[in-house]
Amino acid sequence: MEKKVFRSRISVLLVIILLAIFLPTVISIIRSGNIFNPGFYIFLGVIVFIVLSLTGIRYVISGNKLHLEMWFISSGSVNIANIVSIKRTYNPLTSPAASLKRLAIHCTTGWMGGLISPVREKEFFEALKVVNPDIYIRVNDKKGWWRIWDWDI
């Protein structure tokens, strides 16, 4: 079976929150003229690390395994045959997902231990069902006033 890669969805709300936290600090440091302060470069390094972390999350389906990766580092895998159900959740717990619109994967051994948010969900479900057609998928895409142009929250 071929390897299928799905990147993580990136939430507009999450980007706005990060900008609201970091942008005022960067602007105040630049206005004060302290751009040669080592703390400023450490702060920028933290911002770059967060951006790279959010953009590097991938979910790889290879053979009968679902691998969670951040750039080139694998952070675990689950056997697709053990997946029982997938459901929609907006749980803000820390997880390998750059979005608040997430999927909770439940396995025969219990909860997978993380929440994921692949960008092409229907294709992701189809790829999983090729390996395990018994997966029960409880995902409905609700539309609402908070989703402008079908953006993600």
C-alpha atoms as a PDB file:
ATOM      1  CA  MET A   1       0.000   0.000   0.000  1.00  0.00           C
ATOM      2  CA  GLU A   2       1.194   3.485  -0.774  1.00  0.00           C
ATOM      3  CA  LYS A   3       1.997   6.046   1.861  1.00  0.00           C
ATOM      4  CA  LYS A   4      -0.576   8.830   2.295  1.00  0.00           C
ATOM      5  CA  VAL A   5       0.340  12.054   4.055  1.00  0.00           C
ATOM      6  CA  PHE A   6      -2.181  14.452   5.569  1.00  0.00           C
ATOM      7  CA  ARG A   7      -1.016  17.736   7.073  1.00  0.00           C
ATOM      8  CA  SER A   8      -2.746  19.237  10.075  1.00  0.00           C
ATOM      9  CA  ARG A   9      -5.457  21.817   9.658  1.00  0.00           C
ATOM     10  CA  ILE A  10      -4.376  25.238  10.978  1.00  0.00           C
ATOM     11  CA  SER A  11      -7.012  27.126  12.923  1.00  0.00           C
ATOM     12  CA  VAL A  12      -7.676  30.794  12.174  1.00  0.00           C
ATOM     13  CA  LEU A  13      -8.676  31.303  15.822  1.00  0.00           C
ATOM     14  CA  LEU A  14      -5.392  29.798  17.014  1.00  0.00           C
ATOM     15  CA  VAL A  15      -3.401  32.112  14.711  1.00  0.00           C
ATOM     16  CA  ILE A  16      -5.356  35.147  15.991  1.00  0.00           C
ATOM     17  CA  ILE A  17      -4.685  34.146  19.611  1.00  0.00           C
ATOM     18  CA  LEU A  18      -0.957  33.731  18.946  1.00  0.00           C
ATOM     19  CA  LEU A  19      -0.806  37.090  17.156  1.00  0.00           C
ATOM     20  CA  ALA A  20      -2.649  38.753  20.048  1.00  0.00           C
ATOM     21  CA  ILE A  21      -0.093  37.338  22.479  1.00  0.00           C
ATOM     22  CA  PHE A  22       3.141  37.933  20.573  1.00  0.00           C
ATOM     23  CA  LEU A  23       2.581  40.921  18.276  1.00  0.00           C
ATOM     24  CA  PRO A  24       2.205  43.616  20.979  1.00  0.00           C
ATOM     25  CA  THR A  25       5.442  42.475  22.615  1.00  0.00           C
ATOM     26  CA  VAL A  26       7.366  42.528  19.318  1.00  0.00           C
ATOM     27  CA  ILE A  27       6.001  45.981  18.445  1.00  0.00           C
ATOM     28  CA  SER A  28       6.889  47.403  21.880  1.00  0.00           C
ATOM     29  CA  ILE A  29      10.432  45.998  21.685  1.00  0.00           C
ATOM     30  CA  ILE A  30      10.948  47.457  18.205  1.00  0.00           C
ATOM     31  CA  ARG A  31       9.549  50.857  19.273  1.00  0.00           C
ATOM     32  CA  SER A  32      11.810  50.963  22.318  1.00  0.00           C
ATOM     33  CA  GLY A  33      14.883  50.344  20.168  1.00  0.00           C
ATOM     34  CA  ASN A  34      15.955  47.250  22.099  1.00  0.00           C
ATOM     35  CA  ILE A  35      16.253  45.041  19.008  1.00  0.00           C
ATOM     36  CA  PHE A  36      19.898  44.366  19.848  1.00  0.00           C
ATOM     37  CA  ASN A  37      18.879  42.876  23.202  1.00  0.00           C
ATOM     38  CA  PRO A  38      19.574  39.080  23.264  1.00  0.00           C
ATOM     39  CA  GLY A  39      16.159  38.534  24.883  1.00  0.00           C
ATOM     40  CA  PHE A  40      14.496  39.871  21.742  1.00  0.00           C
ATOM     41  CA  TYR A  41      16.191  37.214  19.601  1.00  0.00           C
ATOM     42  CA  ILE A  42      15.293  34.491  22.075  1.00  0.00           C
ATOM     43  CA  PHE A  43      11.688  35.705  21.915  1.00  0.00           C
ATOM     44  CA  LEU A  44      11.759  35.649  18.092  1.00  0.00           C
ATOM     45  CA  GLY A  45      13.266  32.146  18.233  1.00  0.00           C
ATOM     46  CA  VAL A  46      10.348  30.989  20.372  1.00  0.00           C
ATOM     47  CA  ILE A  47       7.883  32.458  17.859  1.00  0.00           C
ATOM     48  CA  VAL A  48       9.663  30.749  14.942  1.00  0.00           C
ATOM     49  CA  PHE A  49       9.670  27.451  16.861  1.00  0.00           C
ATOM     50  CA  ILE A  50       5.912  27.693  17.509  1.00  0.00           C
ATOM     51  CA  VAL A  51       5.174  28.506  13.851  1.00  0.00           C
ATOM     52  CA  LEU A  52       7.368  25.632  12.629  1.00  0.00           C
ATOM     53  CA  SER A  53       5.722  23.293  15.128  1.00  0.00           C
ATOM     54  CA  LEU A  54       2.229  24.198  13.944  1.00  0.00           C
ATOM     55  CA  THR A  55       3.058  23.918  10.248  1.00  0.00           C
ATOM     56  CA  GLY A  56       5.024  20.665  10.531  1.00  0.00           C
ATOM     57  CA  ILE A  57       2.364  18.376  11.976  1.00  0.00           C
ATOM     58  CA  ARG A  58       1.520  15.478   9.655  1.00  0.00           C
ATOM     59  CA  TYR A  59      -0.473  12.265   9.837  1.00  0.00           C
ATOM     60  CA  VAL A  60       0.937   9.465   7.687  1.00  0.00           C
ATOM     61  CA  ILE A  61      -0.974   6.321   6.755  1.00  0.00           C
ATOM     62  CA  SER A  62       1.549   3.692   5.762  1.00  0.00           C
ATOM     63  CA  GLY A  63       0.524   0.059   5.472  1.00  0.00           C
ATOM     64  CA  ASN A  64      -1.695  -0.693   8.458  1.00  0.00           C
ATOM     65  CA  LYS A  65      -0.294   2.062  10.702  1.00  0.00           C
ATOM     66  CA  LEU A  66      -1.249   5.673  11.340  1.00  0.00           C
ATOM     67  CA  HIS A  67       1.900   7.639  12.233  1.00  0.00           C
ATOM     68  CA  LEU A  68       1.931  11.053  13.904  1.00  0.00           C
ATOM     69  CA  GLU A  69       4.904  13.152  12.787  1.00  0.00           C
ATOM     70  CA  MET A  70       6.246  16.626  13.402  1.00  0.00           C
ATOM     71  CA  TRP A  71       8.531  17.456  10.507  1.00  0.00           C
ATOM     72  CA  PHE A  72      10.824  14.434  10.426  1.00  0.00           C
ATOM     73  CA  ILE A  73      10.302  13.272  14.021  1.00  0.00           C
ATOM     74  CA  SER A  74       7.781  10.483  14.587  1.00  0.00           C
ATOM     75  CA  SER A  75       5.790  10.941  17.767  1.00  0.00           C
ATOM     76  CA  GLY A  76       4.027   7.609  17.740  1.00  0.00           C
ATOM     77  CA  SER A  77       1.789   5.353  15.734  1.00  0.00           C
ATOM     78  CA  VAL A  78      -1.363   3.328  16.095  1.00  0.00           C
ATOM     79  CA  ASN A  79      -2.449   0.170  14.325  1.00  0.00           C
ATOM     80  CA  ILE A  80      -5.426   1.081  12.114  1.00  0.00           C
ATOM     81  CA  ALA A  81      -6.962  -2.354  12.715  1.00  0.00           C
ATOM     82  CA  ASN A  82      -7.340  -1.379  16.395  1.00  0.00           C
ATOM     83  CA  ILE A  83      -9.337   1.785  15.627  1.00  0.00           C
ATOM     84  CA  VAL A  84     -12.968   1.387  16.672  1.00  0.00           C
ATOM     85  CA  SER A  85     -14.413   4.863  16.160  1.00  0.00           C
ATOM     86  CA  ILE A  86     -13.614   8.441  15.237  1.00  0.00           C
ATOM     87  CA  LYS A  87     -15.643  11.365  16.497  1.00  0.00           C
ATOM     88  CA  ARG A  88     -15.545  15.168  16.209  1.00  0.00           C
ATOM     89  CA  THR A  89     -14.359  17.132  19.193  1.00  0.00           C
ATOM     90  CA  TYR A  90     -13.388  20.715  19.953  1.00  0.00           C
ATOM     91  CA  ASN A  91     -11.390  19.776  23.044  1.00  0.00           C
ATOM     92  CA  PRO A  92      -8.568  22.313  23.581  1.00  0.00           C
ATOM     93  CA  LEU A  93      -6.229  19.810  25.265  1.00  0.00           C
ATOM     94  CA  THR A  94      -2.647  19.713  24.036  1.00  0.00           C
ATOM     95  CA  SER A  95      -2.385  17.406  21.062  1.00  0.00           C
ATOM     96  CA  PRO A  96      -0.633  17.031  17.710  1.00  0.00           C
ATOM     97  CA  ALA A  97      -3.192  19.291  16.044  1.00  0.00           C
ATOM     98  CA  ALA A  98      -2.893  22.929  14.974  1.00  0.00           C
ATOM     99  CA  SER A  99      -6.651  23.381  15.095  1.00  0.00           C
ATOM    100  CA  LEU A 100      -9.459  23.273  17.619  1.00  0.00           C
ATOM    101  CA  LYS A 101     -11.627  21.305  15.164  1.00  0.00           C
ATOM    102  CA  ARG A 102     -10.279  17.869  15.970  1.00  0.00           C
ATOM    103  CA  LEU A 103     -10.926  14.171  15.701  1.00  0.00           C
ATOM    104  CA  ALA A 104     -10.765  11.845  18.709  1.00  0.00           C
ATOM    105  CA  ILE A 105      -9.665   8.354  17.727  1.00  0.00           C
ATOM    106  CA  HIS A 106     -10.835   5.535  19.996  1.00  0.00           C
ATOM    107  CA  CYS A 107      -9.062   2.183  19.780  1.00  0.00           C
ATOM    108  CA  THR A 108      -9.753  -1.275  21.175  1.00  0.00           C
ATOM    109  CA  THR A 109      -7.070  -0.552  23.752  1.00  0.00           C
ATOM    110  CA  GLY A 110      -8.778   2.724  24.744  1.00  0.00           C
ATOM    111  CA  TRP A 111      -8.296   6.293  23.646  1.00  0.00           C
ATOM    112  CA  MET A 112      -5.360   6.838  21.281  1.00  0.00           C
ATOM    113  CA  GLY A 113      -3.967   9.445  23.639  1.00  0.00           C
ATOM    114  CA  GLY A 114      -4.218  12.387  21.293  1.00  0.00           C
ATOM    115  CA  LEU A 115      -6.489  14.402  19.117  1.00  0.00           C
ATOM    116  CA  ILE A 116      -5.740  14.998  15.458  1.00  0.00           C
ATOM    117  CA  SER A 117      -6.990  17.426  12.808  1.00  0.00           C
ATOM    118  CA  PRO A 118      -6.226  16.322   9.239  1.00  0.00           C
ATOM    119  CA  VAL A 119      -7.002  18.924   6.606  1.00  0.00           C
ATOM    120  CA  ARG A 120      -8.687  16.586   4.075  1.00  0.00           C
ATOM    121  CA  GLU A 121     -10.932  14.658   6.451  1.00  0.00           C
ATOM    122  CA  LYS A 122     -13.052  12.739   3.952  1.00  0.00           C
ATOM    123  CA  GLU A 123      -9.981  11.475   2.112  1.00  0.00           C
ATOM    124  CA  PHE A 124      -8.413  10.630   5.484  1.00  0.00           C
ATOM    125  CA  PHE A 125     -11.473   8.567   6.482  1.00  0.00           C
ATOM    126  CA  GLU A 126     -11.459   6.758   3.132  1.00  0.00           C
ATOM    127  CA  ALA A 127      -7.771   5.868   3.517  1.00  0.00           C
ATOM    128  CA  LEU A 128      -8.418   4.485   7.013  1.00  0.00           C
ATOM    129  CA  LYS A 129     -11.455   2.515   5.853  1.00  0.00           C
ATOM    130  CA  VAL A 130      -9.392   0.819   3.132  1.00  0.00           C
ATOM    131  CA  VAL A 131      -7.370  -0.805   5.930  1.00  0.00           C
ATOM    132  CA  ASN A 132     -10.196  -1.195   8.467  1.00  0.00           C
ATOM    133  CA  PRO A 133     -13.726  -0.957   7.000  1.00  0.00           C
ATOM    134  CA  ASP A 134     -15.280  -1.489  10.460  1.00  0.00           C
ATOM    135  CA  ILE A 135     -14.324   1.969  11.762  1.00  0.00           C
ATOM    136  CA  TYR A 136     -17.403   3.826  12.982  1.00  0.00           C
ATOM    137  CA  ILE A 137     -17.132   7.508  12.017  1.00  0.00           C
ATOM    138  CA  ARG A 138     -19.276  10.014  13.948  1.00  0.00           C
ATOM    139  CA  VAL A 139     -18.328  13.278  12.275  1.00  0.00           C
ATOM    140  CA  ASN A 140     -20.819  15.886  11.163  1.00  0.00           C
ATOM    141  CA  ASP A 141     -19.762  19.185   9.646  1.00  0.00           C
ATOM    142  CA  LYS A 142     -21.951  21.831  11.166  1.00  0.00           C
ATOM    143  CA  LYS A 143     -22.071  25.249   9.603  1.00  0.00           C
ATOM    144  CA  GLY A 144     -22.477  28.292  11.771  1.00  0.00           C
ATOM    145  CA  TRP A 145     -22.095  32.046  11.920  1.00  0.00           C
ATOM    146  CA  TRP A 146     -18.610  31.698  13.474  1.00  0.00           C
ATOM    147  CA  ARG A 147     -17.264  30.003  10.342  1.00  0.00           C
ATOM    148  CA  ILE A 148     -16.537  32.682   7.766  1.00  0.00           C
ATOM    149  CA  TRP A 149     -15.981  31.173   4.311  1.00  0.00           C
ATOM    150  CA  ASP A 150     -15.970  27.766   6.035  1.00  0.00           C
ATOM    151  CA  TRP A 151     -12.852  28.693   8.013  1.00  0.00           C
ATOM    152  CA  ASP A 152     -11.921  26.538  10.920  1.00  0.00           C
ATOM    153  CA  ILE A 153     -12.207  27.635  14.542  1.00  0.00           C
END
